C-alpha atoms as a PDB file:
ATOM      1  CA  MET A   1     158.802 247.705  82.265  1.00  0.00           C
ATOM      2  CA  MET A   2     159.913 245.267  79.571  1.00  0.00           C
ATOM      3  CA  ASP A   3     163.277 246.851  78.768  1.00  0.00           C
ATOM      4  CA  GLN A   4     165.335 245.354  75.985  1.00  0.00           C
ATOM      5  CA  PRO A   5     168.226 243.487  77.598  1.00  0.00           C
ATOM      6  CA  LYS A   6     171.835 244.374  77.133  1.00  0.00           C
ATOM      7  CA  ALA A   7     173.279 241.312  75.491  1.00  0.00           C
ATOM      8  CA  CYS A   8     176.840 241.860  76.697  1.00  0.00           C
ATOM      9  CA  GLY A   9     176.707 238.648  78.685  1.00  0.00           C
ATOM     10  CA  ASP A  10     175.003 236.530  76.028  1.00  0.00           C
ATOM     11  CA  THR A  11     177.359 233.666  75.262  1.00  0.00           C
ATOM     12  CA  ARG A  12     175.571 232.654  72.029  1.00  0.00           C
ATOM     13  CA  ALA A  13     175.626 234.638  68.825  1.00  0.00           C
ATOM     14  CA  THR A  14     172.234 235.073  67.170  1.00  0.00           C
ATOM     15  CA  ALA A  15     173.370 233.126  64.089  1.00  0.00           C
ATOM     16  CA  THR A  16     173.981 230.004  66.146  1.00  0.00           C
ATOM     17  CA  LEU A  17     170.635 229.995  67.958  1.00  0.00           C
ATOM     18  CA  PRO A  18     168.361 227.012  67.249  1.00  0.00           C
ATOM     19  CA  LEU A  19     165.008 227.368  65.502  1.00  0.00           C
ATOM     20  CA  ILE A  20     162.386 229.309  67.423  1.00  0.00           C
ATOM     21  CA  PRO A  21     161.404 227.114  70.400  1.00  0.00           C
ATOM     22  CA  ARG A  22     157.873 226.649  71.634  1.00  0.00           C
ATOM     23  CA  ILE A  23     158.695 227.337  75.289  1.00  0.00           C
ATOM     24  CA  SER A  24     160.962 230.010  76.734  1.00  0.00           C
ATOM     25  CA  VAL A  25     162.092 229.385  80.310  1.00  0.00           C
ATOM     26  CA  VAL A  26     163.720 232.277  82.151  1.00  0.00           C
ATOM     27  CA  LEU A  27     166.039 231.534  85.057  1.00  0.00           C
ATOM     28  CA  PRO A  28     167.055 234.677  86.981  1.00  0.00           C
ATOM     29  CA  VAL A  29     170.010 234.149  89.306  1.00  0.00           C
ATOM     30  CA  HIS A  30     172.047 236.250  91.708  1.00  0.00           C
ATOM     31  CA  ASN A  31     174.875 234.429  93.512  1.00  0.00           C
ATOM     32  CA  GLY A  32     173.088 231.116  93.137  1.00  0.00           C
ATOM     33  CA  GLU A  33     176.040 228.751  92.883  1.00  0.00           C
ATOM     34  CA  ALA A  34     174.784 226.454  95.674  1.00  0.00           C
ATOM     35  CA  TYR A  35     171.860 224.912  93.769  1.00  0.00           C
ATOM     36  CA  LEU A  36     172.215 226.316  90.252  1.00  0.00           C
ATOM     37  CA  ASP A  37     173.445 223.088  88.643  1.00  0.00           C
ATOM     38  CA  LEU A  38     170.363 221.223  89.864  1.00  0.00           C
ATOM     39  CA  ALA A  39     168.006 223.944  88.668  1.00  0.00           C
ATOM     40  CA  ILE A  40     169.503 224.115  85.168  1.00  0.00           C
ATOM     41  CA  ALA A  41     169.723 220.331  84.798  1.00  0.00           C
ATOM     42  CA  SER A  42     166.048 220.008  85.736  1.00  0.00           C
ATOM     43  CA  ILE A  43     165.069 222.230  82.796  1.00  0.00           C
ATOM     44  CA  LEU A  44     167.454 220.758  80.245  1.00  0.00           C
ATOM     45  CA  GLY A  45     166.321 217.288  81.300  1.00  0.00           C
ATOM     46  CA  GLN A  46     162.636 217.945  80.608  1.00  0.00           C
ATOM     47  CA  THR A  47     160.717 215.395  78.565  1.00  0.00           C
ATOM     48  CA  PHE A  48     159.518 218.400  76.542  1.00  0.00           C
ATOM     49  CA  THR A  49     162.662 219.402  74.656  1.00  0.00           C
ATOM     50  CA  ASP A  50     161.465 222.188  72.323  1.00  0.00           C
ATOM     51  CA  LEU A  51     162.613 224.944  74.641  1.00  0.00           C
ATOM     52  CA  GLU A  52     165.151 227.657  75.273  1.00  0.00           C
ATOM     53  CA  LEU A  53     166.591 228.417  78.697  1.00  0.00           C
ATOM     54  CA  ILE A  54     167.401 232.096  79.173  1.00  0.00           C
ATOM     55  CA  CYS A  55     169.645 232.475  82.216  1.00  0.00           C
ATOM     56  CA  VAL A  56     169.823 236.037  83.505  1.00  0.00           C
ATOM     57  CA  ASP A  57     172.886 236.545  85.672  1.00  0.00           C
ATOM     58  CA  ASP A  58     171.790 239.454  87.838  1.00  0.00           C
ATOM     59  CA  GLY A  59     175.158 240.811  88.890  1.00  0.00           C
ATOM     60  CA  SER A  60     176.519 237.653  90.530  1.00  0.00           C
ATOM     61  CA  THR A  61     179.892 237.789  92.287  1.00  0.00           C
ATOM     62  CA  ASP A  62     180.275 234.061  93.023  1.00  0.00           C
ATOM     63  CA  SER A  63     180.891 231.238  90.535  1.00  0.00           C
ATOM     64  CA  THR A  64     177.470 231.668  88.897  1.00  0.00           C
ATOM     65  CA  PRO A  65     178.884 233.161  85.642  1.00  0.00           C
ATOM     66  CA  GLN A  66     181.245 230.214  85.173  1.00  0.00           C
ATOM     67  CA  ILE A  67     178.447 227.709  85.782  1.00  0.00           C
ATOM     68  CA  LEU A  68     176.201 229.444  83.251  1.00  0.00           C
ATOM     69  CA  ASP A  69     178.952 229.657  80.636  1.00  0.00           C
ATOM     70  CA  ARG A  70     179.621 225.932  81.011  1.00  0.00           C
ATOM     71  CA  TYR A  71     175.999 225.037  80.259  1.00  0.00           C
ATOM     72  CA  ALA A  72     175.750 227.529  77.395  1.00  0.00           C
ATOM     73  CA  ALA A  73     178.843 226.018  75.778  1.00  0.00           C
ATOM     74  CA  ALA A  74     177.412 222.505  76.085  1.00  0.00           C
ATOM     75  CA  ASP A  75     173.786 223.063  75.006  1.00  0.00           C
ATOM     76  CA  PRO A  76     172.646 225.493  72.247  1.00  0.00           C
ATOM     77  CA  ARG A  77     169.279 225.874  73.997  1.00  0.00           C
ATOM     78  CA  VAL A  78     170.964 227.818  76.803  1.00  0.00           C
ATOM     79  CA  ARG A  79     171.395 231.579  76.490  1.00  0.00           C
ATOM     80  CA  VAL A  80     173.052 233.807  79.067  1.00  0.00           C
ATOM     81  CA  ILE A  81     172.348 237.486  79.658  1.00  0.00           C
ATOM     82  CA  THR A  82     174.307 239.451  82.239  1.00  0.00           C
ATOM     83  CA  ASN A  83     172.868 242.382  84.173  1.00  0.00           C
ATOM     84  CA  ARG A  84     175.346 244.979  85.381  1.00  0.00           C
ATOM     85  CA  PRO A  85     174.414 246.348  87.855  1.00  0.00           C
ATOM     86  CA  ASN A  86     172.010 244.055  89.695  1.00  0.00           C
ATOM     87  CA  ARG A  87     168.346 244.824  88.862  1.00  0.00           C
ATOM     88  CA  GLY A  88     166.559 242.572  91.357  1.00  0.00           C
ATOM     89  CA  LEU A  89     164.283 239.633  90.602  1.00  0.00           C
ATOM     90  CA  PRO A  90     161.438 241.395  88.736  1.00  0.00           C
ATOM     91  CA  GLY A  91     163.952 243.388  86.687  1.00  0.00           C
ATOM     92  CA  ALA A  92     165.867 240.220  85.801  1.00  0.00           C
ATOM     93  CA  LEU A  93     162.618 238.534  84.759  1.00  0.00           C
ATOM     94  CA  ASN A  94     161.723 241.431  82.493  1.00  0.00           C
ATOM     95  CA  VAL A  95     165.164 241.323  80.876  1.00  0.00           C
ATOM     96  CA  GLY A  96     164.798 237.586  80.288  1.00  0.00           C
ATOM     97  CA  PHE A  97     161.308 237.731  78.831  1.00  0.00           C
ATOM     98  CA  ALA A  98     162.240 240.653  76.573  1.00  0.00           C
ATOM     99  CA  ALA A  99     164.636 238.189  74.909  1.00  0.00           C
ATOM    100  CA  ALA A 100     162.174 235.251  74.912  1.00  0.00           C
ATOM    101  CA  ARG A 101     161.169 233.844  71.524  1.00  0.00           C
ATOM    102  CA  GLY A 102     158.766 231.083  72.531  1.00  0.00           C
ATOM    103  CA  ALA A 103     154.963 231.147  72.313  1.00  0.00           C
ATOM    104  CA  LEU A 104     154.795 229.873  75.900  1.00  0.00           C
ATOM    105  CA  HIS A 105     156.575 231.397  78.877  1.00  0.00           C
ATOM    106  CA  CYS A 106     157.778 229.991  82.181  1.00  0.00           C
ATOM    107  CA  TRP A 107     160.333 230.908  84.816  1.00  0.00           C
ATOM    108  CA  THR A 108     162.080 229.034  87.556  1.00  0.00           C
ATOM    109  CA  SER A 109     164.376 229.892  90.458  1.00  0.00           C
ATOM    110  CA  ASP A 110     168.031 228.961  90.858  1.00  0.00           C
ATOM    111  CA  ASP A 111     167.319 226.936  94.014  1.00  0.00           C
ATOM    112  CA  ASN A 112     164.250 225.007  92.805  1.00  0.00           C
ATOM    113  CA  ILE A 113     163.830 221.876  90.703  1.00  0.00           C
ATOM    114  CA  ALA A 114     161.309 221.161  87.953  1.00  0.00           C
ATOM    115  CA  ARG A 115     160.096 217.585  87.789  1.00  0.00           C
ATOM    116  CA  PRO A 116     161.049 216.008  84.426  1.00  0.00           C
ATOM    117  CA  HIS A 117     157.545 216.097  82.935  1.00  0.00           C
ATOM    118  CA  MET A 118     156.525 219.557  84.199  1.00  0.00           C
ATOM    119  CA  LEU A 119     156.639 221.410  80.881  1.00  0.00           C
ATOM    120  CA  GLU A 120     155.118 218.508  78.952  1.00  0.00           C
ATOM    121  CA  ARG A 121     152.118 218.338  81.273  1.00  0.00           C
ATOM    122  CA  LEU A 122     151.581 222.102  81.449  1.00  0.00           C
ATOM    123  CA  ALA A 123     151.872 222.519  77.670  1.00  0.00           C
ATOM    124  CA  ALA A 124     149.404 219.671  77.154  1.00  0.00           C
ATOM    125  CA  ALA A 125     146.969 221.379  79.521  1.00  0.00           C
ATOM    126  CA  LEU A 126     147.087 224.569  77.455  1.00  0.00           C
ATOM    127  CA  ASP A 127     146.677 222.554  74.261  1.00  0.00           C
ATOM    128  CA  ASP A 128     143.638 220.833  75.737  1.00  0.00           C
ATOM    129  CA  HIS A 129     142.193 224.158  76.921  1.00  0.00           C
ATOM    130  CA  PRO A 130     142.692 226.709  74.131  1.00  0.00           C
ATOM    131  CA  GLU A 131     140.484 229.158  76.020  1.00  0.00           C
ATOM    132  CA  ALA A 132     142.982 229.229  78.881  1.00  0.00           C
ATOM    133  CA  ALA A 133     146.138 231.342  78.895  1.00  0.00           C
ATOM    134  CA  ILE A 134     147.801 230.047  82.072  1.00  0.00           C
ATOM    135  CA  ALA A 135     148.303 226.500  83.385  1.00  0.00           C
ATOM    136  CA  HIS A 136     149.548 225.768  86.889  1.00  0.00           C
ATOM    137  CA  ALA A 137     150.026 222.743  89.123  1.00  0.00           C
ATOM    138  CA  ASN A 138     150.788 221.511  92.632  1.00  0.00           C
ATOM    139  CA  TYR A 139     154.294 221.250  94.048  1.00  0.00           C
ATOM    140  CA  SER A 140     156.330 219.742  96.870  1.00  0.00           C
ATOM    141  CA  VAL A 141     158.416 221.689  99.377  1.00  0.00           C
ATOM    142  CA  ILE A 142     161.998 220.558  99.982  1.00  0.00           C
ATOM    143  CA  ASP A 143     164.711 221.577 102.449  1.00  0.00           C
ATOM    144  CA  ASP A 144     168.367 222.525 101.953  1.00  0.00           C
ATOM    145  CA  HIS A 145     169.271 218.892 101.316  1.00  0.00           C
ATOM    146  CA  GLY A 146     166.444 218.169  98.875  1.00  0.00           C
ATOM    147  CA  ALA A 147     164.309 216.178 101.313  1.00  0.00           C
ATOM    148  CA  VAL A 148     160.562 216.662 100.843  1.00  0.00           C
ATOM    149  CA  THR A 149     159.058 218.418 103.856  1.00  0.00           C
ATOM    150  CA  GLY A 150     155.601 219.292 102.575  1.00  0.00           C
ATOM    151  CA  TYR A 151     153.134 219.342  99.723  1.00  0.00           C
ATOM    152  CA  GLN A 152     151.180 222.297  98.385  1.00  0.00           C
ATOM    153  CA  LYS A 153     147.952 222.012  96.423  1.00  0.00           C
ATOM    154  CA  VAL A 154     147.254 225.101  94.375  1.00  0.00           C
ATOM    155  CA  GLY A 155     143.814 226.586  94.419  1.00  0.00           C
ATOM    156  CA  PRO A 156     141.567 227.826  91.648  1.00  0.00           C
ATOM    157  CA  ALA A 157     142.408 231.258  90.279  1.00  0.00           C
ATOM    158  CA  SER A 158     138.896 232.348  91.266  1.00  0.00           C
ATOM    159  CA  GLU A 159     140.179 232.467  94.853  1.00  0.00           C
ATOM    160  CA  ILE A 160     143.307 234.462  94.085  1.00  0.00           C
ATOM    161  CA  LEU A 161     142.158 237.459  96.126  1.00  0.00           C
ATOM    162  CA  PHE A 162     142.534 235.302  99.231  1.00  0.00           C
ATOM    163  CA  GLY A 163     146.169 234.471  98.499  1.00  0.00           C
ATOM    164  CA  ASN A 164     148.632 233.400  95.835  1.00  0.00           C
ATOM    165  CA  ARG A 165     146.881 230.246  94.664  1.00  0.00           C
ATOM    166  CA  ILE A 166     148.972 229.860  91.496  1.00  0.00           C
ATOM    167  CA  GLY A 167     152.064 228.307  93.054  1.00  0.00           C
ATOM    168  CA  ALA A 168     155.515 227.647  91.636  1.00  0.00           C
ATOM    169  CA  ALA A 169     154.784 225.387  88.642  1.00  0.00           C
ATOM    170  CA  PHE A 170     153.214 227.332  85.785  1.00  0.00           C
ATOM    171  CA  LEU A 171     153.261 228.004  82.056  1.00  0.00           C
ATOM    172  CA  TYR A 172     151.537 230.843  80.238  1.00  0.00           C
ATOM    173  CA  ARG A 173     151.092 232.184  76.756  1.00  0.00           C
ATOM    174  CA  ALA A 174     153.395 234.972  75.567  1.00  0.00           C
ATOM    175  CA  GLU A 175     150.316 237.175  75.195  1.00  0.00           C
ATOM    176  CA  VAL A 176     150.090 237.318  78.985  1.00  0.00           C
ATOM    177  CA  THR A 177     153.596 238.777  79.214  1.00  0.00           C
ATOM    178  CA  ARG A 178     152.812 241.349  76.526  1.00  0.00           C
ATOM    179  CA  ARG A 179     149.418 242.392  77.873  1.00  0.00           C
ATOM    180  CA  LEU A 180     150.638 242.792  81.457  1.00  0.00           C
ATOM    181  CA  ASP A 181     153.886 244.508  80.418  1.00  0.00           C
ATOM    182  CA  GLY A 182     155.880 242.051  82.492  1.00  0.00           C
ATOM    183  CA  TYR A 183     156.617 242.181  86.213  1.00  0.00           C
ATOM    184  CA  ASP A 184     156.406 245.315  88.348  1.00  0.00           C
ATOM    185  CA  GLU A 185     159.974 246.176  89.339  1.00  0.00           C
ATOM    186  CA  LEU A 186     158.755 248.217  92.302  1.00  0.00           C
ATOM    187  CA  LEU A 187     157.207 245.143  93.916  1.00  0.00           C
ATOM    188  CA  PHE A 188     160.333 243.070  94.591  1.00  0.00           C
ATOM    189  CA  GLY A 189     159.201 240.120  96.700  1.00  0.00           C
ATOM    190  CA  VAL A 190     155.554 240.046  95.610  1.00  0.00           C
ATOM    191  CA  GLU A 191     156.099 240.516  91.864  1.00  0.00           C
ATOM    192  CA  ASP A 192     154.654 237.074  91.126  1.00  0.00           C
ATOM    193  CA  TYR A 193     151.468 237.559  93.170  1.00  0.00           C
ATOM    194  CA  ASP A 194     150.962 240.975  91.611  1.00  0.00           C
ATOM    195  CA  PHE A 195     151.433 239.425  88.156  1.00  0.00           C
ATOM    196  CA  TRP A 196     148.819 236.740  88.814  1.00  0.00           C
ATOM    197  CA  LEU A 197     146.350 239.216  90.314  1.00  0.00           C
ATOM    198  CA  ARG A 198     146.553 241.360  87.203  1.00  0.00           C
ATOM    199  CA  ALA A 199     146.396 238.294  84.957  1.00  0.00           C
ATOM    200  CA  ALA A 200     143.243 237.045  86.706  1.00  0.00           C
ATOM    201  CA  ARG A 201     141.380 240.142  85.553  1.00  0.00           C
ATOM    202  CA  SER A 202     141.754 239.201  81.872  1.00  0.00           C
ATOM    203  CA  PHE A 203     142.835 235.582  81.448  1.00  0.00           C
ATOM    204  CA  THR A 204     141.540 232.089  82.153  1.00  0.00           C
ATOM    205  CA  PHE A 205     143.583 229.627  84.227  1.00  0.00           C
ATOM    206  CA  VAL A 206     143.594 225.833  84.128  1.00  0.00           C
ATOM    207  CA  THR A 207     144.646 223.942  87.266  1.00  0.00           C
ATOM    208  CA  LEU A 208     146.376 220.547  87.213  1.00  0.00           C
ATOM    209  CA  ASP A 209     146.047 218.365  90.288  1.00  0.00           C
ATOM    210  CA  GLU A 210     149.577 217.006  89.824  1.00  0.00           C
ATOM    211  CA  ASP A 211     152.886 217.478  91.655  1.00  0.00           C
ATOM    212  CA  LEU A 212     155.215 218.988  89.036  1.00  0.00           C
ATOM    213  CA  TYR A 213     157.817 220.986  90.970  1.00  0.00           C
ATOM    214  CA  LEU A 214     160.137 220.977  93.981  1.00  0.00           C
ATOM    215  CA  TYR A 215     160.189 224.311  95.805  1.00  0.00           C
ATOM    216  CA  ARG A 216     163.156 224.732  98.109  1.00  0.00           C
ATOM    217  CA  ARG A 217     162.571 226.424 101.454  1.00  0.00           C
ATOM    218  CA  HIS A 218     165.773 227.292 103.294  1.00  0.00           C
ATOM    219  CA  GLY A 219     167.326 229.831 105.620  1.00  0.00           C
ATOM    220  CA  ALA A 220     168.611 232.050 102.816  1.00  0.00           C
ATOM    221  CA  SER A 221     165.273 232.209 100.990  1.00  0.00           C
ATOM    222  CA  LEU A 222     164.183 235.655  99.913  1.00  0.00           C
ATOM    223  CA  THR A 223     160.885 235.311 101.764  1.00  0.00           C
ATOM    224  CA  ASP A 224     162.702 234.604 105.041  1.00  0.00           C
ATOM    225  CA  ARG A 225     165.119 237.522 104.719  1.00  0.00           C
ATOM    226  CA  ARG A 226     162.566 240.162 103.780  1.00  0.00           C
ATOM    227  CA  ALA A 227     159.359 238.809 105.277  1.00  0.00           C
ATOM    228  CA  ARG A 228     158.157 242.036 106.864  1.00  0.00           C
ATOM    229  CA  ALA A 229     158.682 244.180 103.746  1.00  0.00           C
ATOM    230  CA  ILE A 230     157.097 241.497 101.576  1.00  0.00           C
ATOM    231  CA  HIS A 231     153.997 241.307 103.778  1.00  0.00           C
ATOM    232  CA  ARG A 232     153.532 245.061 103.556  1.00  0.00           C
ATOM    233  CA  LEU A 233     153.911 245.072  99.779  1.00  0.00           C
ATOM    234  CA  CYS A 234     151.374 242.250  99.621  1.00  0.00           C
ATOM    235  CA  ALA A 235     148.921 244.320 101.660  1.00  0.00           C
ATOM    236  CA  ARG A 236     149.362 247.195  99.218  1.00  0.00           C
ATOM    237  CA  ILE A 237     148.484 245.171  96.125  1.00  0.00           C
ATOM    238  CA  ILE A 238     145.536 243.490  97.855  1.00  0.00           C
ATOM    239  CA  LEU A 239     144.062 246.880  98.759  1.00  0.00           C
ATOM    240  CA  ARG A 240     144.559 247.925  95.127  1.00  0.00           C
ATOM    241  CA  GLU A 241     142.625 244.901  93.859  1.00  0.00           C
ATOM    242  CA  LEU A 242     139.879 245.306  96.443  1.00  0.00           C
ATOM    243  CA  ALA A 243     139.171 248.772  95.071  1.00  0.00           C
ATOM    244  CA  LEU A 244     137.639 246.850  92.137  1.00  0.00           C
ATOM    245  CA  VAL A 245     135.359 244.740  94.381  1.00  0.00           C
ATOM    246  CA  ASP A 246     131.807 245.990  94.962  1.00  0.00           C
ATOM    247  CA  ASP A 247     130.585 243.294  97.375  1.00  0.00           C
ATOM    248  CA  PRO A 248     131.214 244.523 100.972  1.00  0.00           C
ATOM    249  CA  ALA A 249     131.025 241.010 102.437  1.00  0.00           C
ATOM    250  CA  LEU A 250     133.569 239.622  99.940  1.00  0.00           C
ATOM    251  CA  HIS A 251     135.729 242.697 100.484  1.00  0.00           C
ATOM    252  CA  ALA A 252     135.659 242.078 104.243  1.00  0.00           C
ATOM    253  CA  LYS A 253     136.395 238.345 103.883  1.00  0.00           C
ATOM    254  CA  VAL A 254     139.485 239.066 101.793  1.00  0.00           C
ATOM    255  CA  LEU A 255     140.695 241.706 104.247  1.00  0.00           C
ATOM    256  CA  LEU A 256     140.228 239.268 107.136  1.00  0.00           C
ATOM    257  CA  ALA A 257     142.003 236.450 105.299  1.00  0.00           C
ATOM    258  CA  HIS A 258     145.066 238.604 104.647  1.00  0.00           C
ATOM    259  CA  GLY A 259     144.889 240.458 107.938  1.00  0.00           C
ATOM    260  CA  LEU A 260     145.002 237.227 109.915  1.00  0.00           C
ATOM    261  CA  ALA A 261     147.595 235.548 107.700  1.00  0.00           C
ATOM    262  CA  SER A 262     150.628 237.637 108.602  1.00  0.00           C
ATOM    263  CA  ARG A 263     152.841 236.538 111.480  1.00  0.00           C
ATOM    264  CA  VAL A 264     155.200 239.482 111.078  1.00  0.00           C
ATOM    265  CA  ASP A 265     152.728 242.337 110.532  1.00  0.00           C
ATOM    266  CA  PRO A 266     149.481 242.672 112.563  1.00  0.00           C
ATOM    267  CA  ARG A 267     147.738 244.459 109.674  1.00  0.00           C
ATOM    268  CA  LEU A 268     145.455 246.334 112.056  1.00  0.00           C
ATOM    269  CA  GLY A 269     144.235 248.602 109.273  1.00  0.00           C
ATOM    270  CA  MET A 270     142.944 245.631 107.282  1.00  0.00           C
ATOM    271  CA  LEU A 271     141.107 244.188 110.265  1.00  0.00           C
ATOM    272  CA  LEU A 272     139.534 247.513 111.174  1.00  0.00           C
ATOM    273  CA  LYS A 273     138.421 248.135 107.596  1.00  0.00           C
ATOM    274  CA  ALA A 274     136.832 244.669 107.468  1.00  0.00           C
ATOM    275  CA  LEU A 275     134.896 245.450 110.653  1.00  0.00           C
ATOM    276  CA  ILE A 276     133.645 248.729 109.193  1.00  0.00           C
ATOM    277  CA  LEU A 277     132.665 247.200 105.840  1.00  0.00           C
ATOM    278  CA  SER A 278     130.848 244.153 107.211  1.00  0.00           C
ATOM    279  CA  PRO A 279     130.533 243.945 111.008  1.00  0.00           C
ATOM    280  CA  SER A 280     128.745 240.603 110.860  1.00  0.00           C
ATOM    281  CA  THR A 281     131.476 239.049 108.705  1.00  0.00           C
ATOM    282  CA  ALA A 282     134.195 240.340 111.021  1.00  0.00           C
ATOM    283  CA  LEU A 283     132.423 239.205 114.183  1.00  0.00           C
ATOM    284  CA  MET A 284     132.207 235.656 112.807  1.00  0.00           C
ATOM    285  CA  ARG A 285     136.017 235.619 112.897  1.00  0.00           C
ATOM    286  CA  LEU A 286     136.286 237.231 116.314  1.00  0.00           C
ATOM    287  CA  PRO A 287     138.080 234.297 118.037  1.00  0.00           C
ATOM    288  CA  ALA A 288     140.693 234.227 115.281  1.00  0.00           C
ATOM    289  CA  ILE A 289     141.112 238.015 115.481  1.00  0.00           C
ATOM    290  CA  VAL A 290     141.654 237.831 119.246  1.00  0.00           C
ATOM    291  CA  ARG A 291     144.281 235.082 118.834  1.00  0.00           C
ATOM    292  CA  HIS A 292     145.990 237.046 116.088  1.00  0.00           C
ATOM    293  CA  LEU A 293     146.205 240.239 118.138  1.00  0.00           C
ATOM    294  CA  ALA A 294     147.371 238.350 121.224  1.00  0.00           C
ATOM    295  CA  ALA A 295     150.183 236.717 119.239  1.00  0.00           C
ATOM    296  CA  HIS A 296     151.399 240.076 117.941  1.00  0.00           C
ATOM    297  CA  LEU A 297     151.167 241.600 121.406  1.00  0.00           C
ATOM    298  CA  ARG A 298     153.373 238.812 122.755  1.00  0.00           C
ATOM    299  CA  ARG A 299     155.798 239.425 119.890  1.00  0.00           C
ATOM    300  CA  HIS A 300     155.904 243.108 120.769  1.00  0.00           C
ATOM    301  CA  CYS A 301     156.591 242.334 124.425  1.00  0.00           C
ATOM    302  CA  LEU A 302     159.384 239.904 123.526  1.00  0.00           C
ATOM    303  CA  TYR A 303     161.054 241.721 120.634  1.00  0.00           C
ATOM    304  CA  GLY A 304     159.839 245.300 120.872  1.00  0.00           C
ATOM    305  CA  THR A 305     158.158 245.243 117.486  1.00  0.00           C
ATOM    306  CA  ILE A 306     154.605 244.915 116.265  1.00  0.00           C
END
């Protein structure tokens, strides 16, 4: 999975690179001109300065290449790699991390903003917890204009089977990237959740109860455009992980949690399997199951899909 990147778009020669940084931040981008300046500035403006920013231009056709070249020319910490053709988000991440030199890894999106002390706080958490390999923290949700519309507390990694509790603000040791062989390029849209699920099998997480990131939710977001496909991919990786769970009641609880969570996919198979595995557990959620099925039936009547 972790292919060596083609460096044809790298605007910095190896001889001019700074000393090996402690943190490598990968920023994959495809036609991200709208918010890219804000995203890059939020990383270069971190209170923790011992970093490199690896921008992976994933086949952009807008002004993204010019924006990236401008930052690379102004700051030696910025490196640019160009993918031709487009490889998709997990592929771009793998290209970026194959070029990463830091002992700690992080990635951010072209439409999100890291709070100035994010890397400092996450690195300190890993320093304070040498047994942990991954640090993560809470974040705020913002709209197209940058106004805060919500706040998300991340949960403990012990509950990761019930949903992606890791969130958008994270930092992990390079060993995690190596051991997991990067992001699964066949799981575009749920590559991060899959990564954390696999990481939770082998690594310890530390959770910070701090708001360290601004996650932008807008009409062009990937999760809005491909919601149905993403939900089905999510179901696939959950069923994979549940094959490792021996407790029928826990198995059923996880199936119910995910089965009832989707507004675009009824996930009837998950609900039925939960009922078979642990009838008592499923019956305790019967009112929620009825509401869930009724909502999808209404959707089918209105839009002809279920």
